[in-house]
PDB file of N, CA and C in Angstrom:
ATOM      1  N   UNK A   1     116.628  69.232 111.205  1.00  0.00           N
ATOM      2  CA  UNK A   1     117.605  70.128 111.186  1.00  0.00           C
ATOM      3  C   UNK A   1     116.919  71.188 110.416  1.00  0.00           C
ATOM      4  N   UNK A   2     116.938  72.149 110.886  1.00  0.00           N
ATOM      5  CA  UNK A   2     116.463  73.635 109.990  1.00  0.00           C
ATOM      6  C   UNK A   2     117.872  73.781 109.319  1.00  0.00           C
ATOM      7  N   UNK A   3     117.620  74.391 108.037  1.00  0.00           N
ATOM      8  CA  UNK A   3     118.114  75.250 107.135  1.00  0.00           C
ATOM      9  C   UNK A   3     118.276  76.802 107.867  1.00  0.00           C
ATOM     10  N   UNK A   4     119.656  76.807 107.948  1.00  0.00           N
ATOM     11  CA  UNK A   4     120.097  78.592 108.099  1.00  0.00           C
ATOM     12  C   UNK A   4     119.550  79.577 106.726  1.00  0.00           C
ATOM     13  N   UNK A   5     119.263  80.531 106.778  1.00  0.00           N
ATOM     14  CA  UNK A   5     118.926  81.098 105.605  1.00  0.00           C
ATOM     15  C   UNK A   5     119.812  82.588 105.849  1.00  0.00           C
ATOM     16  N   UNK A   6     120.036  83.016 105.016  1.00  0.00           N
ATOM     17  CA  UNK A   6     120.746  84.120 104.984  1.00  0.00           C
ATOM     18  C   UNK A   6     119.987  85.391 105.763  1.00  0.00           C
ATOM     19  N   UNK A   7     120.452  86.457 105.968  1.00  0.00           N
ATOM     20  CA  UNK A   7     119.420  87.677 106.354  1.00  0.00           C
ATOM     21  C   UNK A   7     119.223  88.661 105.287  1.00  0.00           C
ATOM     22  N   UNK A   8     119.308  88.505 103.791  1.00  0.00           N
ATOM     23  CA  UNK A   8     118.690  88.455 103.252  1.00  0.00           C
ATOM     24  C   UNK A   8     117.636  87.595 102.608  1.00  0.00           C
ATOM     25  N   UNK A   9     117.394  86.990 102.646  1.00  0.00           N
ATOM     26  CA  UNK A   9     116.211  85.723 102.372  1.00  0.00           C
ATOM     27  C   UNK A   9     115.210  86.085 103.714  1.00  0.00           C
ATOM     28  N   UNK A  10     116.070  86.351 104.728  1.00  0.00           N
ATOM     29  CA  UNK A  10     114.818  86.992 106.008  1.00  0.00           C
ATOM     30  C   UNK A  10     114.079  87.865 105.556  1.00  0.00           C
ATOM     31  N   UNK A  11     114.650  88.591 105.195  1.00  0.00           N
ATOM     32  CA  UNK A  11     113.992  90.158 104.465  1.00  0.00           C
ATOM     33  C   UNK A  11     113.114  89.978 103.833  1.00  0.00           C
ATOM     34  N   UNK A  12     113.456  89.011 102.800  1.00  0.00           N
ATOM     35  CA  UNK A  12     112.477  88.982 101.516  1.00  0.00           C
ATOM     36  C   UNK A  12     111.767  88.008 102.027  1.00  0.00           C
ATOM     37  N   UNK A  13     111.297  87.098 102.943  1.00  0.00           N
ATOM     38  CA  UNK A  13     110.552  86.246 103.867  1.00  0.00           C
ATOM     39  C   UNK A  13     109.185  87.342 104.146  1.00  0.00           C
ATOM     40  N   UNK A  14     109.642  88.365 105.051  1.00  0.00           N
ATOM     41  CA  UNK A  14     109.435  89.198 105.688  1.00  0.00           C
ATOM     42  C   UNK A  14     108.411  90.428 104.833  1.00  0.00           C
ATOM     43  N   UNK A  15     109.024  90.500 103.827  1.00  0.00           N
ATOM     44  CA  UNK A  15     108.177  90.991 102.836  1.00  0.00           C
ATOM     45  C   UNK A  15     107.294  90.637 102.385  1.00  0.00           C
ATOM     46  N   UNK A  16     107.840  88.932 101.561  1.00  0.00           N
ATOM     47  CA  UNK A  16     106.506  88.288 101.370  1.00  0.00           C
ATOM     48  C   UNK A  16     105.497  88.494 102.476  1.00  0.00           C
ATOM     49  N   UNK A  17     105.680  87.873 103.296  1.00  0.00           N
ATOM     50  CA  UNK A  17     104.639  88.133 104.682  1.00  0.00           C
ATOM     51  C   UNK A  17     103.607  88.853 104.575  1.00  0.00           C
ATOM     52  N   UNK A  18     104.430  90.609 104.831  1.00  0.00           N
ATOM     53  CA  UNK A  18     103.785  91.516 104.623  1.00  0.00           C
ATOM     54  C   UNK A  18     102.552  91.375 103.841  1.00  0.00           C
ATOM     55  N   UNK A  19     103.123  91.290 102.423  1.00  0.00           N
ATOM     56  CA  UNK A  19     102.237  91.152 101.547  1.00  0.00           C
ATOM     57  C   UNK A  19     100.829  90.167 101.699  1.00  0.00           C
ATOM     58  N   UNK A  20     100.983  89.097 102.437  1.00  0.00           N
ATOM     59  CA  UNK A  20     100.377  88.292 102.631  1.00  0.00           C
ATOM     60  C   UNK A  20      99.092  88.891 103.470  1.00  0.00           C
ATOM     61  N   UNK A  21      99.654  89.756 104.295  1.00  0.00           N
ATOM     62  CA  UNK A  21      98.912  90.606 105.815  1.00  0.00           C
ATOM     63  C   UNK A  21      98.049  91.333 104.559  1.00  0.00           C
ATOM     64  N   UNK A  22      98.689  92.031 104.101  1.00  0.00           N
ATOM     65  CA  UNK A  22      97.886  92.987 103.337  1.00  0.00           C
ATOM     66  C   UNK A  22      96.531  92.563 102.258  1.00  0.00           C
ATOM     67  N   UNK A  23      96.898  91.501 101.933  1.00  0.00           N
ATOM     68  CA  UNK A  23      95.712  90.946 100.981  1.00  0.00           C
ATOM     69  C   UNK A  23      94.236  90.651 101.873  1.00  0.00           C
ATOM     70  N   UNK A  24      93.693  91.341 101.489  1.00  0.00           N
ATOM     71  CA  UNK A  24      92.360  90.886 102.147  1.00  0.00           C
ATOM     72  C   UNK A  24      91.604  89.696 102.754  1.00  0.00           C
ATOM     73  N   UNK A  25      92.196  88.589 101.517  1.00  0.00           N
ATOM     74  CA  UNK A  25      91.411  87.617 101.271  1.00  0.00           C
ATOM     75  C   UNK A  25      92.282  86.765 102.661  1.00  0.00           C
ATOM     76  N   UNK A  26      93.120  87.369 103.102  1.00  0.00           N
ATOM     77  CA  UNK A  26      93.813  85.830 104.143  1.00  0.00           C
ATOM     78  C   UNK A  26      93.099  86.180 105.839  1.00  0.00           C
ATOM     79  N   UNK A  27      92.732  85.003 105.992  1.00  0.00           N
ATOM     80  CA  UNK A  27      91.643  84.268 107.350  1.00  0.00           C
ATOM     81  C   UNK A  27      92.537  85.166 108.134  1.00  0.00           C
ATOM     82  N   UNK A  28      91.707  85.489 109.139  1.00  0.00           N
ATOM     83  CA  UNK A  28      92.210  85.604 110.744  1.00  0.00           C
ATOM     84  C   UNK A  28      93.092  84.631 111.157  1.00  0.00           C
ATOM     85  N   UNK A  29      93.233  83.432 111.307  1.00  0.00           N
ATOM     86  CA  UNK A  29      94.217  82.680 111.573  1.00  0.00           C
ATOM     87  C   UNK A  29      95.092  82.507 110.896  1.00  0.00           C
ATOM     88  N   UNK A  30      95.379  82.793 109.806  1.00  0.00           N
ATOM     89  CA  UNK A  30      96.223  82.903 109.148  1.00  0.00           C
ATOM     90  C   UNK A  30      97.111  84.137 109.041  1.00  0.00           C
ATOM     91  N   UNK A  31      96.508  85.094 109.220  1.00  0.00           N
ATOM     92  CA  UNK A  31      97.424  86.270 109.480  1.00  0.00           C
ATOM     93  C   UNK A  31      97.997  86.293 111.035  1.00  0.00           C
ATOM     94  N   UNK A  32      97.787  85.710 111.907  1.00  0.00           N
ATOM     95  CA  UNK A  32      97.959  85.531 113.015  1.00  0.00           C
ATOM     96  C   UNK A  32      99.615  84.432 113.126  1.00  0.00           C
ATOM     97  N   UNK A  33      99.319  83.395 112.727  1.00  0.00           N
ATOM     98  CA  UNK A  33     100.276  82.915 111.816  1.00  0.00           C
ATOM     99  C   UNK A  33     101.389  83.344 111.132  1.00  0.00           C
ATOM    100  N   UNK A  34     100.760  84.076 110.221  1.00  0.00           N
ATOM    101  CA  UNK A  34     101.995  84.960 109.266  1.00  0.00           C
ATOM    102  C   UNK A  34     102.680  86.165 110.411  1.00  0.00           C
ATOM    103  N   UNK A  35     102.159  86.810 111.074  1.00  0.00           N
ATOM    104  CA  UNK A  35     102.528  87.456 112.164  1.00  0.00           C
ATOM    105  C   UNK A  35     103.697  87.350 112.883  1.00  0.00           C
ATOM    106  N   UNK A  36     102.907  85.539 113.265  1.00  0.00           N
ATOM    107  CA  UNK A  36     104.303  84.812 114.222  1.00  0.00           C
ATOM    108  C   UNK A  36     105.386  84.554 113.459  1.00  0.00           C
ATOM    109  N   UNK A  37     105.324  83.870 112.760  1.00  0.00           N
ATOM    110  CA  UNK A  37     106.539  83.921 111.576  1.00  0.00           C
ATOM    111  C   UNK A  37     107.322  85.256 111.316  1.00  0.00           C
ATOM    112  N   UNK A  38     106.881  86.338 110.939  1.00  0.00           N
ATOM    113  CA  UNK A  38     107.395  87.529 110.940  1.00  0.00           C
ATOM    114  C   UNK A  38     108.422  87.832 112.726  1.00  0.00           C
ATOM    115  N   UNK A  39     107.604  88.018 113.100  1.00  0.00           N
ATOM    116  CA  UNK A  39     108.072  88.160 114.742  1.00  0.00           C
ATOM    117  C   UNK A  39     109.272  87.210 114.646  1.00  0.00           C
ATOM    118  N   UNK A  40     109.112  86.087 114.076  1.00  0.00           N
ATOM    119  CA  UNK A  40     110.443  85.145 114.829  1.00  0.00           C
ATOM    120  C   UNK A  40     111.573  85.411 114.016  1.00  0.00           C
ATOM    121  N   UNK A  41     111.255  85.759 112.057  1.00  0.00           N
ATOM    122  CA  UNK A  41     112.128  86.259 111.504  1.00  0.00           C
ATOM    123  C   UNK A  41     112.906  87.748 111.456  1.00  0.00           C
ATOM    124  N   UNK A  42     112.233  88.245 112.218  1.00  0.00           N
ATOM    125  CA  UNK A  42     112.578  90.011 112.970  1.00  0.00           C
ATOM    126  C   UNK A  42     113.590  89.688 113.862  1.00  0.00           C
ATOM    127  N   UNK A  43     113.175  88.628 114.988  1.00  0.00           N
ATOM    128  CA  UNK A  43     114.285  88.529 116.128  1.00  0.00           C
ATOM    129  C   UNK A  43     115.654  87.908 115.245  1.00  0.00           C
ATOM    130  N   UNK A  44     115.922  86.953 114.707  1.00  0.00           N
ATOM    131  CA  UNK A  44     116.617  86.020 113.852  1.00  0.00           C
ATOM    132  C   UNK A  44     117.474  87.338 113.513  1.00  0.00           C
ATOM    133  N   UNK A  45     116.772  88.098 112.454  1.00  0.00           N
ATOM    134  CA  UNK A  45     117.174  89.199 111.637  1.00  0.00           C
ATOM    135  C   UNK A  45     117.921  90.067 112.569  1.00  0.00           C
ATOM    136  N   UNK A  46     116.978  90.445 113.341  1.00  0.00           N
ATOM    137  CA  UNK A  46     118.349  91.387 114.846  1.00  0.00           C
ATOM    138  C   UNK A  46     119.532  90.970 114.981  1.00  0.00           C
ATOM    139  N   UNK A  47     119.282  89.498 115.442  1.00  0.00           N
ATOM    140  CA  UNK A  47     120.415  88.538 116.027  1.00  0.00           C
ATOM    141  C   UNK A  47     121.651  89.247 115.415  1.00  0.00           C
ATOM    142  N   UNK A  48     120.868  88.877 113.919  1.00  0.00           N
ATOM    143  CA  UNK A  48     122.148  88.668 112.509  1.00  0.00           C
ATOM    144  C   UNK A  48     122.786  90.360 112.957  1.00  0.00           C
ATOM    145  N   UNK A  49     122.252  91.370 112.921  1.00  0.00           N
ATOM    146  CA  UNK A  49     122.802  92.393 112.798  1.00  0.00           C
ATOM    147  C   UNK A  49     123.747  92.734 113.806  1.00  0.00           C
ATOM    148  N   UNK A  50     122.778  92.385 115.122  1.00  0.00           N
ATOM    149  CA  UNK A  50     123.865  92.293 116.806  1.00  0.00           C
ATOM    150  C   UNK A  50     125.310  91.770 116.517  1.00  0.00           C
ATOM    151  N   UNK A  51     125.362  90.588 115.609  1.00  0.00           N
ATOM    152  CA  UNK A  51     126.304  90.082 115.771  1.00  0.00           C
ATOM    153  C   UNK A  51     127.649  90.399 114.671  1.00  0.00           C
ATOM    154  N   UNK A  52     126.622  90.946 114.009  1.00  0.00           N
ATOM    155  CA  UNK A  52     127.551  91.694 112.485  1.00  0.00           C
ATOM    156  C   UNK A  52     128.341  93.263 113.218  1.00  0.00           C
ATOM    157  N   UNK A  53     127.446  93.706 113.845  1.00  0.00           N
ATOM    158  CA  UNK A  53     127.609  95.402 114.777  1.00  0.00           C
ATOM    159  C   UNK A  53     129.100  94.871 115.689  1.00  0.00           C
ATOM    160  N   UNK A  54     128.477  93.798 116.243  1.00  0.00           N
ATOM    161  CA  UNK A  54     129.925  93.153 117.305  1.00  0.00           C
ATOM    162  C   UNK A  54     131.306  93.163 116.708  1.00  0.00           C
ATOM    163  N   UNK A  55     131.166  92.458 115.388  1.00  0.00           N
ATOM    164  CA  UNK A  55     132.158  91.884 115.027  1.00  0.00           C
ATOM    165  C   UNK A  55     132.691  93.371 113.974  1.00  0.00           C
ATOM    166  N   UNK A  56     132.114  94.382 113.893  1.00  0.00           N
ATOM    167  CA  UNK A  56     132.511  95.222 112.977  1.00  0.00           C
ATOM    168  C   UNK A  56     133.312  96.427 114.314  1.00  0.00           C
ATOM    169  N   UNK A  57     132.692  96.333 115.364  1.00  0.00           N
ATOM    170  CA  UNK A  57     133.612  97.187 116.287  1.00  0.00           C
ATOM    171  C   UNK A  57     134.237  96.580 116.673  1.00  0.00           C
ATOM    172  N   UNK A  58     134.845  95.334 116.695  1.00  0.00           N
ATOM    173  CA  UNK A  58     136.131  94.552 117.476  1.00  0.00           C
ATOM    174  C   UNK A  58     136.949  94.646 116.233  1.00  0.00           C
ATOM    175  N   UNK A  59     136.903  94.974 114.807  1.00  0.00           N
ATOM    176  CA  UNK A  59     137.907  94.886 113.881  1.00  0.00           C
ATOM    177  C   UNK A  59     138.378  96.883 113.542  1.00  0.00           C
ATOM    178  N   UNK A  60     137.110  97.499 113.909  1.00  0.00           N
ATOM    179  CA  UNK A  60     137.728  98.600 114.511  1.00  0.00           C
ATOM    180  C   UNK A  60     138.480  99.235 115.644  1.00  0.00           C
ATOM    181  N   UNK A  61     138.270  98.665 117.012  1.00  0.00           N
ATOM    182  CA  UNK A  61     138.895  98.837 118.355  1.00  0.00           C
ATOM    183  C   UNK A  61     140.338  97.803 118.071  1.00  0.00           C
ATOM    184  N   UNK A  62     140.049  96.816 116.606  1.00  0.00           N
ATOM    185  CA  UNK A  62     141.566  96.341 116.810  1.00  0.00           C
ATOM    186  C   UNK A  62     142.452  97.045 115.377  1.00  0.00           C
ATOM    187  N   UNK A  63     141.956  97.734 114.717  1.00  0.00           N
ATOM    188  CA  UNK A  63     142.079  98.753 113.836  1.00  0.00           C
ATOM    189  C   UNK A  63     143.117 100.169 114.799  1.00  0.00           C
ATOM    190  N   UNK A  64     141.983 100.863 115.547  1.00  0.00           N
ATOM    191  CA  UNK A  64     142.420 101.538 116.483  1.00  0.00           C
ATOM    192  C   UNK A  64     141.933 103.383 115.472  1.00  0.00           C
ATOM    193  N   UNK A  65     141.842 102.909 113.993  1.00  0.00           N
ATOM    194  CA  UNK A  65     142.082 104.206 113.586  1.00  0.00           C
ATOM    195  C   UNK A  65     140.640 105.175 113.331  1.00  0.00           C
ATOM    196  N   UNK A  66     139.512 104.335 113.499  1.00  0.00           N
ATOM    197  CA  UNK A  66     138.140 104.584 113.258  1.00  0.00           C
ATOM    198  C   UNK A  66     137.512 104.801 114.924  1.00  0.00           C
ATOM    199  N   UNK A  67     136.978 106.098 115.591  1.00  0.00           N
ATOM    200  CA  UNK A  67     136.167 105.815 116.561  1.00  0.00           C
ATOM    201  C   UNK A  67     134.939 105.572 116.212  1.00  0.00           C
ATOM    202  N   UNK A  68     134.299 104.524 117.733  1.00  0.00           N
ATOM    203  CA  UNK A  68     133.194 104.046 117.203  1.00  0.00           C
ATOM    204  C   UNK A  68     131.805 104.632 117.064  1.00  0.00           C
ATOM    205  N   UNK A  69     132.033 106.108 117.452  1.00  0.00           N
ATOM    206  CA  UNK A  69     131.039 106.991 117.934  1.00  0.00           C
ATOM    207  C   UNK A  69     130.947 107.627 116.516  1.00  0.00           C
ATOM    208  N   UNK A  70     131.758 107.670 115.866  1.00  0.00           N
ATOM    209  CA  UNK A  70     131.987 108.119 114.065  1.00  0.00           C
ATOM    210  C   UNK A  70     130.500 106.911 113.601  1.00  0.00           C
ATOM    211  N   UNK A  71     130.612 105.892 113.654  1.00  0.00           N
ATOM    212  CA  UNK A  71     130.025 105.180 113.240  1.00  0.00           C
ATOM    213  C   UNK A  71     128.081 105.319 113.367  1.00  0.00           C
ATOM    214  N   UNK A  72     128.028 105.902 114.848  1.00  0.00           N
ATOM    215  CA  UNK A  72     126.429 105.960 115.162  1.00  0.00           C
ATOM    216  C   UNK A  72     126.136 107.118 114.442  1.00  0.00           C
ATOM    217  N   UNK A  73     127.195 108.014 114.082  1.00  0.00           N
ATOM    218  CA  UNK A  73     127.047 109.665 113.343  1.00  0.00           C
ATOM    219  C   UNK A  73     126.143 109.276 112.105  1.00  0.00           C
ATOM    220  N   UNK A  74     126.560 108.523 111.467  1.00  0.00           N
ATOM    221  CA  UNK A  74     126.322 108.394 109.952  1.00  0.00           C
ATOM    222  C   UNK A  74     125.135 107.680 109.895  1.00  0.00           C
TER     223      UNK A  74
END
């Protein structure tokens, strides 16, 4: 069973992988594997952000004191 990692850990792994991709000694095959890993991490991080956005929107709607459009402006 895969261990769930935090959003921050996903970002750190993405940064580490970008550094590996920037290394001229990384082979093409390894670069492709790293790229695929990054794409999965990015998709998972985006899903986490979308879930958090949904939770925040529900809280705001429940409280009724802030309009959601205000969040999009900032």
